[in-house]
Structures are given as structure tokens and as C-alpha cells.
Amino acid sequence: MRVLVLQHIACEHLGIFRDFMAEDGIEWRAVELDEGEPIPELDGYDVLVSMGGPMDVWQKDEHPWIESELAAIREWVEQSRRPFLGFCLGHQLLAEALGGEVGPAAQPEIGVMPVRLTDAGCASPFLKGIPDKFRCLQWHSAEVIRPPPGAEVLISSPACAVNAMSWAGCAFSIQFHVELTPSTVSEWGEIPEYAGALEAALGTGALARLDAAAAADMPSFAALSRILYRNFMDAVRSNRTSS
């Protein structure tokens, strides 16, 4: 199995998912779009993953590669129905590529916060073994305002109705962060856009408080991540068998 990872800033990488893939002997390649690396031919890959980033989907003039990524996601998911996983910005890019709407969040979500599975989420194989309600790390000021036609909303929160979704049983995306490692919060705090949003939402000294809160919940974050990874890989194998 070969996985292509589309990255938008170096510090937003596969994180703990690198460990899971190493355990399974899965080969992955990261392409740093923000540094000018082109998206390669997709035919040689089995899974497409889109990571987070400080930019927004509507900033196409500042980041011309966004159009290329949207086209690649559309080809991969809508035309080929192949396995896709999106995190944060990748979640929003999936929605945009398939005809949904993304915009500034009415209430940015930043911090360790609760989310809840929807009825569709409770029935989804992607969330098998996941509690109906759990805490996760949020760090976003944009959101999916309207999911694309045919999408199922799997997870919601009071501030963000579309915290996770699926499309056609092959594409899955998550607004919050499940790729965390113990160093994630401190690394992201070095990004000016993230640091600014964090201070605006939580006040002076927010980075240290968020780092401590994430560290306290890190074991449960890691357990959740492993379950989601296994469920996604089951969907990938099912897709390969049926295609």
C-alpha cells in the first residue's frame, strides 16, 4: 500500500499516524505544496491524505496550489472513488472540492473541547469503537458551513456542526486534530497565524495552558487516533477488494 500525503506547512504532518503506518509496513510520501512541490501522478498511490495548514481554502491568489489540490481531490474522490482522509484544512478542502461551502467560523474552536457523534456517526464503520462523546484538540478559525451534496456529517459540536464527515464510503475528514504527538502544540505555537488565533481566543499565556491541557489528555488522544486509523485502513482494504 502506498500513501500520498499533501502537506501545507512542514509542522503539520502525519504525526502519530507515522507510527501506525510504520507498524503496518505502509510506505508513504509527503509532498510539501507550500514549498512549491508539485502533486505527482496519482496512479501510483492507494490512499490520498490532506493535512492541515494556516491558510484558508479561499486564499487561492496567495496560494495557487490550492486550485491544484482541489482538482486532485475531486479527481481522486469524485471521479475515482478512492480512499481519502482529510485533517482540518484537508477536511475543508474535501468539502470545497465536492461542492460544499467553507467560510470563517462564527465561533472559532481552539482548545481541548468536547464533540459528539451524530446518528450517522454512530452508524459509521469509520467511527466504530469511538465513544458517543469525547474530548479532542481543536484549533481552527474556519469551518465547513455547508457539507457537499451526498456527504454524511459524522461528528458535531455546539460551535461547529460539521466536525467530521464522510462521502460515498471512500472519503473521510475530520476538523479537529487526531494526528497529535506530545510536541504538536509547542511546534504549532511557533506559527504566527496559529499563535495569534490562540492568544485572541484564550488570552495571554494560552500556549502553555493549551500544551498542558493537551498533555493531560494525550493518552486518550492516542487511543482515539489508533482506533480511527484502524477503521480507516479497514475501509481502504474494503475499497481495494471491491475495485
C-alpha atoms as a PDB file:
ATOM      1  CA  MET A   1       0.000   0.000   0.000  1.00  0.00           C
ATOM      2  CA  ARG A   2       1.304   3.468  -0.942  1.00  0.00           C
ATOM      3  CA  VAL A   3       0.025   6.654   0.675  1.00  0.00           C
ATOM      4  CA  LEU A   4       0.406  10.160  -0.766  1.00  0.00           C
ATOM      5  CA  VAL A   5       0.333  12.924   1.860  1.00  0.00           C
ATOM      6  CA  LEU A   6      -0.360  16.517   0.796  1.00  0.00           C
ATOM      7  CA  GLN A   7       1.215  18.892   3.334  1.00  0.00           C
ATOM      8  CA  HIS A   8       0.684  22.642   3.557  1.00  0.00           C
ATOM      9  CA  ILE A   9       3.292  23.501   6.199  1.00  0.00           C
ATOM     10  CA  ALA A  10       6.148  21.327   7.456  1.00  0.00           C
ATOM     11  CA  CYS A  11       4.969  21.117  11.074  1.00  0.00           C
ATOM     12  CA  GLU A  12       1.519  19.739  10.113  1.00  0.00           C
ATOM     13  CA  HIS A  13       2.467  16.209   9.190  1.00  0.00           C
ATOM     14  CA  LEU A  14       1.088  12.723   9.800  1.00  0.00           C
ATOM     15  CA  GLY A  15       2.205  12.849  13.420  1.00  0.00           C
ATOM     16  CA  ILE A  16       1.280   9.714  15.320  1.00  0.00           C
ATOM     17  CA  PHE A  17      -0.092   8.181  12.116  1.00  0.00           C
ATOM     18  CA  ARG A  18       3.536   7.777  11.007  1.00  0.00           C
ATOM     19  CA  ASP A  19       3.992   5.305  13.861  1.00  0.00           C
ATOM     20  CA  PHE A  20       0.871   3.374  12.915  1.00  0.00           C
ATOM     21  CA  MET A  21       1.932   3.147   9.264  1.00  0.00           C
ATOM     22  CA  ALA A  22       5.435   2.036  10.246  1.00  0.00           C
ATOM     23  CA  GLU A  23       3.924  -0.760  12.336  1.00  0.00           C
ATOM     24  CA  ASP A  24       1.947  -1.903   9.277  1.00  0.00           C
ATOM     25  CA  GLY A  25       4.852  -1.542   6.857  1.00  0.00           C
ATOM     26  CA  ILE A  26       2.988   1.069   4.827  1.00  0.00           C
ATOM     27  CA  GLU A  27       5.009   3.312   2.524  1.00  0.00           C
ATOM     28  CA  TRP A  28       4.067   6.991   2.444  1.00  0.00           C
ATOM     29  CA  ARG A  29       5.337  10.046   0.627  1.00  0.00           C
ATOM     30  CA  ALA A  30       4.808  13.645   1.732  1.00  0.00           C
ATOM     31  CA  VAL A  31       4.592  16.475  -0.804  1.00  0.00           C
ATOM     32  CA  GLU A  32       5.105  19.991   0.610  1.00  0.00           C
ATOM     33  CA  LEU A  33       2.773  22.061  -1.562  1.00  0.00           C
ATOM     34  CA  ASP A  34       3.539  25.356   0.184  1.00  0.00           C
ATOM     35  CA  GLU A  35       7.200  24.972  -0.812  1.00  0.00           C
ATOM     36  CA  GLY A  36       6.341  24.554  -4.484  1.00  0.00           C
ATOM     37  CA  GLU A  37       6.453  20.770  -4.761  1.00  0.00           C
ATOM     38  CA  PRO A  38       4.016  19.607  -7.451  1.00  0.00           C
ATOM     39  CA  ILE A  39       1.392  16.950  -6.900  1.00  0.00           C
ATOM     40  CA  PRO A  40       2.716  13.790  -8.591  1.00  0.00           C
ATOM     41  CA  GLU A  41       0.763  11.473 -10.841  1.00  0.00           C
ATOM     42  CA  LEU A  42      -1.882   9.865  -8.654  1.00  0.00           C
ATOM     43  CA  ASP A  43      -1.985   6.471 -10.342  1.00  0.00           C
ATOM     44  CA  GLY A  44       0.847   5.025  -8.246  1.00  0.00           C
ATOM     45  CA  TYR A  45      -0.938   5.542  -4.913  1.00  0.00           C
ATOM     46  CA  ASP A  46      -3.663   3.751  -2.971  1.00  0.00           C
ATOM     47  CA  VAL A  47      -4.578   6.440  -0.410  1.00  0.00           C
ATOM     48  CA  LEU A  48      -4.626  10.240  -0.530  1.00  0.00           C
ATOM     49  CA  VAL A  49      -4.255  12.222   2.707  1.00  0.00           C
ATOM     50  CA  SER A  50      -4.590  16.009   3.037  1.00  0.00           C
ATOM     51  CA  MET A  51      -3.192  17.659   6.160  1.00  0.00           C
ATOM     52  CA  GLY A  52      -3.865  20.937   7.972  1.00  0.00           C
ATOM     53  CA  GLY A  53      -2.320  24.358   7.493  1.00  0.00           C
ATOM     54  CA  PRO A  54      -2.589  28.046   8.463  1.00  0.00           C
ATOM     55  CA  MET A  55      -4.069  29.117   5.114  1.00  0.00           C
ATOM     56  CA  ASP A  56      -7.753  29.087   4.126  1.00  0.00           C
ATOM     57  CA  VAL A  57      -9.381  27.422   1.130  1.00  0.00           C
ATOM     58  CA  TRP A  58     -10.449  30.773  -0.313  1.00  0.00           C
ATOM     59  CA  GLN A  59      -6.877  32.150  -0.370  1.00  0.00           C
ATOM     60  CA  LYS A  60      -6.229  30.916  -3.894  1.00  0.00           C
ATOM     61  CA  ASP A  61      -4.421  34.073  -5.027  1.00  0.00           C
ATOM     62  CA  GLU A  62      -1.908  33.823  -2.176  1.00  0.00           C
ATOM     63  CA  HIS A  63      -1.593  30.034  -2.538  1.00  0.00           C
ATOM     64  CA  PRO A  64      -2.139  28.995  -6.189  1.00  0.00           C
ATOM     65  CA  TRP A  65      -1.513  25.333  -5.334  1.00  0.00           C
ATOM     66  CA  ILE A  66      -4.917  25.244  -3.604  1.00  0.00           C
ATOM     67  CA  GLU A  67      -6.606  25.017  -7.015  1.00  0.00           C
ATOM     68  CA  SER A  68      -4.343  22.101  -7.982  1.00  0.00           C
ATOM     69  CA  GLU A  69      -5.097  20.303  -4.743  1.00  0.00           C
ATOM     70  CA  LEU A  70      -8.842  20.807  -5.127  1.00  0.00           C
ATOM     71  CA  ALA A  71      -8.630  19.353  -8.628  1.00  0.00           C
ATOM     72  CA  ALA A  72      -6.613  16.376  -7.375  1.00  0.00           C
ATOM     73  CA  ILE A  73      -9.104  15.685  -4.566  1.00  0.00           C
ATOM     74  CA  ARG A  74     -12.005  15.954  -6.998  1.00  0.00           C
ATOM     75  CA  GLU A  75     -10.353  13.507  -9.382  1.00  0.00           C
ATOM     76  CA  TRP A  76      -9.399  11.102  -6.598  1.00  0.00           C
ATOM     77  CA  VAL A  77     -12.678  11.100  -4.683  1.00  0.00           C
ATOM     78  CA  GLU A  78     -15.492  12.150  -7.004  1.00  0.00           C
ATOM     79  CA  GLN A  79     -14.271  10.549 -10.206  1.00  0.00           C
ATOM     80  CA  SER A  80     -12.317   7.526  -8.953  1.00  0.00           C
ATOM     81  CA  ARG A  81     -13.996   6.876  -5.560  1.00  0.00           C
ATOM     82  CA  ARG A  82     -10.645   6.094  -3.949  1.00  0.00           C
ATOM     83  CA  PRO A  83      -9.766   6.286  -0.211  1.00  0.00           C
ATOM     84  CA  PHE A  84      -9.191   9.792   1.130  1.00  0.00           C
ATOM     85  CA  LEU A  85      -8.519  11.131   4.630  1.00  0.00           C
ATOM     86  CA  GLY A  86      -8.506  14.848   5.466  1.00  0.00           C
ATOM     87  CA  PHE A  87      -7.407  16.659   8.640  1.00  0.00           C
ATOM     88  CA  CYS A  88      -8.512  20.225   9.493  1.00  0.00           C
ATOM     89  CA  LEU A  89      -7.679  22.190   6.298  1.00  0.00           C
ATOM     90  CA  GLY A  90      -7.842  18.849   4.456  1.00  0.00           C
ATOM     91  CA  HIS A  91     -11.387  18.416   5.802  1.00  0.00           C
ATOM     92  CA  GLN A  92     -12.317  21.832   4.436  1.00  0.00           C
ATOM     93  CA  LEU A  93     -10.624  21.164   1.095  1.00  0.00           C
ATOM     94  CA  LEU A  94     -12.664  17.992   0.679  1.00  0.00           C
ATOM     95  CA  ALA A  95     -15.872  19.926   1.271  1.00  0.00           C
ATOM     96  CA  GLU A  96     -14.859  22.657  -1.171  1.00  0.00           C
ATOM     97  CA  ALA A  97     -13.758  20.166  -3.837  1.00  0.00           C
ATOM     98  CA  LEU A  98     -17.070  18.300  -3.754  1.00  0.00           C
ATOM     99  CA  GLY A  99     -19.342  21.338  -3.870  1.00  0.00           C
ATOM    100  CA  GLY A 100     -19.735  22.290  -0.214  1.00  0.00           C
ATOM    101  CA  GLU A 101     -19.078  25.680   1.337  1.00  0.00           C
ATOM    102  CA  VAL A 102     -16.275  26.755   3.660  1.00  0.00           C
ATOM    103  CA  GLY A 103     -16.048  30.099   5.432  1.00  0.00           C
ATOM    104  CA  PRO A 104     -14.874  31.895   8.569  1.00  0.00           C
ATOM    105  CA  ALA A 105     -16.153  30.221  11.721  1.00  0.00           C
ATOM    106  CA  ALA A 106     -18.849  32.123  13.584  1.00  0.00           C
ATOM    107  CA  GLN A 107     -17.103  30.942  16.746  1.00  0.00           C
ATOM    108  CA  PRO A 108     -13.512  29.689  16.336  1.00  0.00           C
ATOM    109  CA  GLU A 109     -12.762  26.470  18.218  1.00  0.00           C
ATOM    110  CA  ILE A 110      -9.379  26.483  19.925  1.00  0.00           C
ATOM    111  CA  GLY A 111      -8.579  24.292  22.912  1.00  0.00           C
ATOM    112  CA  VAL A 112      -9.401  20.864  24.275  1.00  0.00           C
ATOM    113  CA  MET A 113     -13.143  20.624  23.720  1.00  0.00           C
ATOM    114  CA  PRO A 114     -15.963  18.058  23.614  1.00  0.00           C
ATOM    115  CA  VAL A 115     -17.560  16.778  20.417  1.00  0.00           C
ATOM    116  CA  ARG A 116     -20.409  14.343  19.876  1.00  0.00           C
ATOM    117  CA  LEU A 117     -21.191  11.701  17.273  1.00  0.00           C
ATOM    118  CA  THR A 118     -24.280  12.287  15.156  1.00  0.00           C
ATOM    119  CA  ASP A 119     -26.731   9.469  14.400  1.00  0.00           C
ATOM    120  CA  ALA A 120     -24.851   8.916  11.135  1.00  0.00           C
ATOM    121  CA  GLY A 121     -21.586   8.873  13.077  1.00  0.00           C
ATOM    122  CA  CYS A 122     -22.878   6.233  15.485  1.00  0.00           C
ATOM    123  CA  ALA A 123     -23.695   4.035  12.471  1.00  0.00           C
ATOM    124  CA  SER A 124     -20.472   4.713  10.549  1.00  0.00           C
ATOM    125  CA  PRO A 125     -17.795   1.974  10.376  1.00  0.00           C
ATOM    126  CA  PHE A 126     -15.220   4.788  10.388  1.00  0.00           C
ATOM    127  CA  LEU A 127     -16.178   5.589  13.998  1.00  0.00           C
ATOM    128  CA  LYS A 128     -16.636   2.038  15.245  1.00  0.00           C
ATOM    129  CA  GLY A 129     -15.437   1.822  18.854  1.00  0.00           C
ATOM    130  CA  ILE A 130     -15.452   5.612  19.335  1.00  0.00           C
ATOM    131  CA  PRO A 131     -17.411   6.988  22.342  1.00  0.00           C
ATOM    132  CA  ASP A 132     -20.564   8.966  21.573  1.00  0.00           C
ATOM    133  CA  LYS A 133     -18.943  11.991  23.250  1.00  0.00           C
ATOM    134  CA  PHE A 134     -15.232  12.688  23.739  1.00  0.00           C
ATOM    135  CA  ARG A 135     -12.666  15.459  24.114  1.00  0.00           C
ATOM    136  CA  CYS A 136     -10.345  16.498  21.295  1.00  0.00           C
ATOM    137  CA  LEU A 137      -7.906  19.230  20.339  1.00  0.00           C
ATOM    138  CA  GLN A 138      -9.461  21.957  18.205  1.00  0.00           C
ATOM    139  CA  TRP A 139      -7.504  24.750  16.521  1.00  0.00           C
ATOM    140  CA  HIS A 140      -9.485  26.315  13.673  1.00  0.00           C
ATOM    141  CA  SER A 141     -10.997  29.660  12.725  1.00  0.00           C
ATOM    142  CA  ALA A 142     -12.666  28.455   9.501  1.00  0.00           C
ATOM    143  CA  GLU A 143     -15.238  25.702   9.113  1.00  0.00           C
ATOM    144  CA  VAL A 144     -17.412  23.764   6.713  1.00  0.00           C
ATOM    145  CA  ILE A 145     -20.563  25.879   6.611  1.00  0.00           C
ATOM    146  CA  ARG A 146     -22.414  23.597   4.197  1.00  0.00           C
ATOM    147  CA  PRO A 147     -21.329  19.993   3.573  1.00  0.00           C
ATOM    148  CA  PRO A 148     -21.159  18.837  -0.043  1.00  0.00           C
ATOM    149  CA  PRO A 149     -24.111  17.021  -1.627  1.00  0.00           C
ATOM    150  CA  GLY A 150     -24.143  13.375  -0.578  1.00  0.00           C
ATOM    151  CA  ALA A 151     -21.935  13.877   2.482  1.00  0.00           C
ATOM    152  CA  GLU A 152     -22.829  12.494   5.895  1.00  0.00           C
ATOM    153  CA  VAL A 153     -21.983  14.588   8.945  1.00  0.00           C
ATOM    154  CA  LEU A 154     -20.445  12.214  11.500  1.00  0.00           C
ATOM    155  CA  ILE A 155     -19.385  14.455  14.404  1.00  0.00           C
ATOM    156  CA  SER A 156     -20.654  17.833  15.629  1.00  0.00           C
ATOM    157  CA  SER A 157     -20.016  20.305  18.417  1.00  0.00           C
ATOM    158  CA  PRO A 158     -22.041  23.259  19.723  1.00  0.00           C
ATOM    159  CA  ALA A 159     -19.852  25.700  17.784  1.00  0.00           C
ATOM    160  CA  CYS A 160     -19.224  23.648  14.626  1.00  0.00           C
ATOM    161  CA  ALA A 161     -21.916  21.457  13.089  1.00  0.00           C
ATOM    162  CA  VAL A 162     -19.564  19.701  10.651  1.00  0.00           C
ATOM    163  CA  ASN A 163     -16.653  18.397  12.738  1.00  0.00           C
ATOM    164  CA  ALA A 164     -16.271  15.219  10.701  1.00  0.00           C
ATOM    165  CA  MET A 165     -17.906  13.850   7.579  1.00  0.00           C
ATOM    166  CA  SER A 166     -17.811  11.042   5.061  1.00  0.00           C
ATOM    167  CA  TRP A 167     -18.644  10.830   1.392  1.00  0.00           C
ATOM    168  CA  ALA A 168     -19.619   7.743  -0.599  1.00  0.00           C
ATOM    169  CA  GLY A 169     -17.901   5.422   1.873  1.00  0.00           C
ATOM    170  CA  CYS A 170     -14.461   6.279   0.458  1.00  0.00           C
ATOM    171  CA  ALA A 171     -13.663   9.770   1.770  1.00  0.00           C
ATOM    172  CA  PHE A 172     -13.451  10.724   5.437  1.00  0.00           C
ATOM    173  CA  SER A 173     -12.434  14.019   7.003  1.00  0.00           C
ATOM    174  CA  ILE A 174     -12.026  15.482  10.472  1.00  0.00           C
ATOM    175  CA  GLN A 175     -11.968  19.137  11.556  1.00  0.00           C
ATOM    176  CA  PHE A 176     -10.206  18.514  14.882  1.00  0.00           C
ATOM    177  CA  HIS A 177      -6.756  17.011  15.304  1.00  0.00           C
ATOM    178  CA  VAL A 178      -6.161  13.299  15.856  1.00  0.00           C
ATOM    179  CA  GLU A 179      -2.604  13.200  14.480  1.00  0.00           C
ATOM    180  CA  LEU A 180      -1.174  14.742  17.670  1.00  0.00           C
ATOM    181  CA  THR A 181       2.146  13.902  19.255  1.00  0.00           C
ATOM    182  CA  PRO A 182       3.469  15.297  22.570  1.00  0.00           C
ATOM    183  CA  SER A 183       5.345  18.054  20.700  1.00  0.00           C
ATOM    184  CA  THR A 184       2.488  19.162  18.418  1.00  0.00           C
ATOM    185  CA  VAL A 185       1.101  22.097  20.404  1.00  0.00           C
ATOM    186  CA  SER A 186       4.501  23.685  21.067  1.00  0.00           C
ATOM    187  CA  GLU A 187       5.509  23.273  17.397  1.00  0.00           C
ATOM    188  CA  TRP A 188       2.285  24.843  16.135  1.00  0.00           C
ATOM    189  CA  GLY A 189       2.638  27.662  18.643  1.00  0.00           C
ATOM    190  CA  GLU A 190       5.673  28.839  16.655  1.00  0.00           C
ATOM    191  CA  ILE A 191       3.460  29.581  13.615  1.00  0.00           C
ATOM    192  CA  PRO A 192       2.399  33.262  13.782  1.00  0.00           C
ATOM    193  CA  GLU A 193      -1.110  32.635  12.427  1.00  0.00           C
ATOM    194  CA  TYR A 194      -1.738  29.899  14.981  1.00  0.00           C
ATOM    195  CA  ALA A 195      -0.201  31.799  17.870  1.00  0.00           C
ATOM    196  CA  GLY A 196      -2.293  34.866  17.050  1.00  0.00           C
ATOM    197  CA  ALA A 197      -5.531  32.902  16.893  1.00  0.00           C
ATOM    198  CA  LEU A 198      -4.651  31.136  20.134  1.00  0.00           C
ATOM    199  CA  GLU A 199      -3.929  34.349  22.032  1.00  0.00           C
ATOM    200  CA  ALA A 200      -7.069  36.001  20.639  1.00  0.00           C
ATOM    201  CA  ALA A 201      -9.219  33.082  21.769  1.00  0.00           C
ATOM    202  CA  LEU A 202      -7.643  32.195  25.107  1.00  0.00           C
ATOM    203  CA  GLY A 203      -5.603  35.221  26.192  1.00  0.00           C
ATOM    204  CA  THR A 204      -2.006  35.777  27.246  1.00  0.00           C
ATOM    205  CA  GLY A 205      -0.120  32.607  28.168  1.00  0.00           C
ATOM    206  CA  ALA A 206      -2.553  30.473  26.200  1.00  0.00           C
ATOM    207  CA  LEU A 207       0.145  28.334  24.572  1.00  0.00           C
ATOM    208  CA  ALA A 208       1.459  26.980  27.870  1.00  0.00           C
ATOM    209  CA  ARG A 209      -2.060  26.289  29.133  1.00  0.00           C
ATOM    210  CA  LEU A 210      -3.082  24.514  25.923  1.00  0.00           C
ATOM    211  CA  ASP A 211       0.124  22.470  25.902  1.00  0.00           C
ATOM    212  CA  ALA A 212      -0.599  21.335  29.479  1.00  0.00           C
ATOM    213  CA  ALA A 213      -4.224  20.519  28.677  1.00  0.00           C
ATOM    214  CA  ALA A 214      -3.231  18.513  25.601  1.00  0.00           C
ATOM    215  CA  ALA A 215      -0.541  16.650  27.561  1.00  0.00           C
ATOM    216  CA  ALA A 216      -3.093  15.651  30.194  1.00  0.00           C
ATOM    217  CA  ASP A 217      -5.349  14.127  27.538  1.00  0.00           C
ATOM    218  CA  MET A 218      -2.583  12.744  25.298  1.00  0.00           C
ATOM    219  CA  PRO A 219      -3.141   9.070  26.252  1.00  0.00           C
ATOM    220  CA  SER A 220      -6.823   9.276  25.314  1.00  0.00           C
ATOM    221  CA  PHE A 221      -5.953  11.213  22.138  1.00  0.00           C
ATOM    222  CA  ALA A 222      -3.522   8.466  21.119  1.00  0.00           C
ATOM    223  CA  ALA A 223      -6.050   5.717  21.795  1.00  0.00           C
ATOM    224  CA  LEU A 224      -8.660   7.543  19.715  1.00  0.00           C
ATOM    225  CA  SER A 225      -6.164   8.055  16.900  1.00  0.00           C
ATOM    226  CA  ARG A 226      -5.303   4.356  16.767  1.00  0.00           C
ATOM    227  CA  ILE A 227      -8.985   3.362  16.550  1.00  0.00           C
ATOM    228  CA  LEU A 228      -9.644   5.867  13.754  1.00  0.00           C
ATOM    229  CA  TYR A 229      -6.540   4.716  11.894  1.00  0.00           C
ATOM    230  CA  ARG A 230      -7.601   1.058  12.094  1.00  0.00           C
ATOM    231  CA  ASN A 231     -11.139   1.872  10.989  1.00  0.00           C
ATOM    232  CA  PHE A 232      -9.887   3.927   8.060  1.00  0.00           C
ATOM    233  CA  MET A 233      -7.475   1.203   6.951  1.00  0.00           C
ATOM    234  CA  ASP A 234     -10.322  -1.325   7.106  1.00  0.00           C
ATOM    235  CA  ALA A 235     -12.240   0.965   4.731  1.00  0.00           C
ATOM    236  CA  VAL A 236      -9.181   1.189   2.465  1.00  0.00           C
ATOM    237  CA  ARG A 237      -8.830  -2.584   2.276  1.00  0.00           C
ATOM    238  CA  SER A 238     -12.539  -2.945   1.608  1.00  0.00           C
ATOM    239  CA  ASN A 239     -12.236  -0.415  -1.212  1.00  0.00           C
ATOM    240  CA  ARG A 240      -9.308  -2.283  -2.756  1.00  0.00           C
ATOM    241  CA  THR A 241     -11.160  -5.583  -2.582  1.00  0.00           C
ATOM    242  CA  SER A 242     -14.262  -4.212  -4.278  1.00  0.00           C
ATOM    243  CA  SER A 243     -12.419  -2.297  -7.005  1.00  0.00           C
END
